[in-house]
Protein backbone atom coordinates (compact mmCIF):
# COMPACT_ATOMS: atom_id res chain seq x y z
CA UNK A 1 -35.68 -31.08 0.52
CA UNK A 2 -38.99 -32.46 0.22
CA UNK A 3 -42.12 -30.97 -1.53
CA UNK A 4 -42.29 -28.19 0.55
CA UNK A 5 -38.51 -27.27 -1.00
CA UNK A 6 -40.07 -27.10 -4.85
CA UNK A 7 -42.23 -23.73 -5.16
CA UNK A 8 -45.63 -24.35 -6.71
CA UNK A 9 -45.72 -28.24 -5.62
CA UNK A 10 -48.42 -28.94 -3.65
CA UNK A 11 -47.00 -30.91 -0.30
CA UNK A 12 -48.05 -32.41 3.03
CA UNK A 13 -47.56 -30.04 5.87
CA UNK A 14 -44.34 -31.73 6.84
CA UNK A 15 -40.81 -30.01 6.44
CA UNK A 16 -38.23 -32.32 5.16
CA UNK A 17 -34.77 -31.40 6.17
CA UNK A 18 -31.68 -32.88 4.61
CA UNK A 19 -28.14 -32.39 6.59
CA UNK A 20 -25.14 -33.93 5.16
CA UNK A 21 -23.02 -35.64 7.14
CA UNK A 22 -19.59 -37.36 7.09
CA UNK A 23 -20.70 -40.74 7.64
CA UNK A 24 -23.26 -42.69 9.79
CA UNK A 25 -20.93 -43.72 12.57
CA UNK A 26 -19.34 -40.21 13.00
CA UNK A 27 -22.62 -38.73 13.28
CA UNK A 28 -24.09 -40.98 15.81
CA UNK A 29 -23.41 -38.35 18.54
CA UNK A 30 -25.89 -36.30 17.00
CA UNK A 31 -28.90 -38.19 17.89
CA UNK A 32 -28.62 -37.29 21.34
CA UNK A 33 -28.02 -33.77 20.46
CA UNK A 34 -31.07 -33.35 18.03
CA UNK A 35 -33.19 -35.13 20.43
CA UNK A 36 -32.30 -32.15 22.90
CA UNK A 37 -34.72 -30.06 19.90
CA UNK A 38 -37.32 -32.07 20.33
CA UNK A 39 -36.62 -34.76 17.64
CA UNK A 40 -37.34 -38.43 17.90
CA UNK A 41 -35.02 -40.80 16.49
CA UNK A 42 -36.20 -43.62 14.42
CA UNK A 43 -34.31 -46.03 13.02
CA UNK A 44 -35.87 -46.10 9.51
CA UNK A 45 -33.45 -47.01 6.60
CA UNK A 46 -30.67 -47.12 9.37
CA UNK A 47 -28.20 -48.14 6.59
CA UNK A 48 -28.79 -44.91 4.46
CA UNK A 49 -29.50 -42.31 7.20
CA UNK A 50 -30.34 -41.08 10.81
CA UNK A 51 -33.71 -40.33 10.46
CA UNK A 52 -36.00 -38.36 13.19
CA UNK A 53 -39.14 -36.58 13.41
CA UNK A 54 -40.94 -33.88 15.44
CA UNK A 55 -42.90 -33.60 17.44
CA UNK A 56 -44.63 -37.02 17.26
CA UNK A 57 -44.48 -40.12 15.04
CA UNK A 58 -48.19 -39.92 14.85
CA UNK A 59 -48.27 -36.24 14.23
CA UNK A 60 -45.28 -35.39 12.36
CA UNK A 61 -44.31 -31.34 11.27
CA UNK A 62 -40.73 -32.10 10.65
CA UNK A 63 -38.27 -34.78 9.20
CA UNK A 64 -34.76 -34.69 9.53
CA UNK A 65 -32.52 -36.85 7.62
CA UNK A 66 -28.77 -37.09 8.40
CA UNK A 67 -27.20 -38.31 5.24
CA UNK A 68 -23.50 -39.11 4.34
CA UNK A 69 -22.68 -36.47 1.57
CA UNK A 70 -20.98 -39.08 -0.36
CA UNK A 71 -23.70 -41.26 -0.69
CA UNK A 72 -26.32 -42.00 -3.74
CA UNK A 73 -29.24 -41.01 -1.54
CA UNK A 74 -27.65 -37.69 -0.44
CA UNK A 75 -27.09 -36.96 -4.14
CA UNK A 76 -30.57 -38.39 -5.42
CA UNK A 77 -32.40 -36.13 -2.94
CA UNK A 78 -31.22 -33.08 -4.34
CA UNK A 79 -31.26 -34.08 -7.86
CA UNK A 80 -34.80 -34.69 -7.84
CA UNK A 81 -35.69 -31.59 -5.78
CA UNK A 82 -33.52 -29.52 -8.19
CA UNK A 83 -34.98 -31.22 -11.27
CA UNK A 84 -38.66 -30.58 -10.14
CA UNK A 85 -37.76 -26.77 -9.36
CA UNK A 86 -36.41 -26.55 -13.16
CA UNK A 87 -39.06 -28.30 -14.76
CA UNK A 88 -42.57 -27.35 -14.73
CA UNK A 89 -44.04 -30.38 -16.48
CA UNK A 90 -42.56 -32.71 -14.32
CA UNK A 91 -43.61 -30.85 -11.38
CA UNK A 92 -47.25 -30.94 -12.30
CA UNK A 93 -47.02 -34.57 -13.17
CA UNK A 94 -45.70 -35.41 -9.71
CA UNK A 95 -48.32 -33.14 -8.09
CA UNK A 96 -50.99 -35.25 -10.08
CA UNK A 97 -49.45 -38.38 -9.12
CA UNK A 98 -49.34 -37.30 -5.39
CA UNK A 99 -52.80 -36.39 -5.40
CA UNK A 100 -54.09 -39.48 -6.86
CA UNK A 101 -51.99 -41.50 -4.49
CA UNK A 102 -53.04 -39.79 -1.31
CA UNK A 103 -56.47 -40.77 -2.27
CA UNK A 104 -55.90 -44.46 -2.69
CA UNK A 105 -53.27 -44.58 0.23
CA UNK A 106 -54.50 -42.13 2.69
CA UNK A 107 -53.85 -44.54 5.95
CA UNK A 108 -51.08 -46.27 4.44
CA UNK A 109 -47.87 -43.89 4.35
CA UNK A 110 -45.40 -47.09 3.21
CA UNK A 111 -47.76 -47.67 0.09
CA UNK A 112 -48.02 -43.94 -0.83
CA UNK A 113 -44.27 -43.60 -0.73
CA UNK A 114 -43.75 -46.83 -2.52
CA UNK A 115 -46.29 -45.93 -5.30
CA UNK A 116 -43.91 -42.97 -6.19
CA UNK A 117 -40.98 -44.91 -6.92
CA UNK A 118 -41.29 -45.40 -10.48
CA UNK A 119 -41.80 -41.85 -11.22
CA UNK A 120 -38.82 -40.59 -8.85
CA UNK A 121 -36.58 -43.23 -10.48
CA UNK A 122 -37.63 -41.79 -13.92
CA UNK A 123 -36.87 -38.09 -12.80
CA UNK A 124 -33.56 -39.27 -11.45
CA UNK A 125 -32.35 -40.88 -15.04
CA UNK A 126 -33.84 -37.59 -16.26
CA UNK A 127 -31.65 -35.50 -14.02
CA UNK A 128 -28.50 -37.69 -14.54
CA UNK A 129 -28.79 -37.27 -18.52
CA UNK A 130 -28.87 -33.44 -18.08
CA UNK A 131 -25.95 -33.54 -15.87
């Protein structure tokens, strides 16, 4: 679902995987099952998803997001990805933004992510308008 899923978009060497679930409580048993695959559970945005990383929080190669399919989060992740796949100009703008932010926030992942919020929200508005 992340930048690695958008052809032609520069991305960190981290694969973001979105897995749809019915609801957070019903998916709780998955935490142990996913751990057996080498993923570490972290209560990041626990009200929205079950989030995992691999192999270690200090050096991540994979993120796994278990997100309820009926949630706005699930819909928005797919809308954002799909919009960037279909709109070259938005993809180029996002790449430019990411490059500038990685220079400013190289050691602050939260600030890097937060600084993309306005752009992401704008793309989601455009995606919603195009149906």
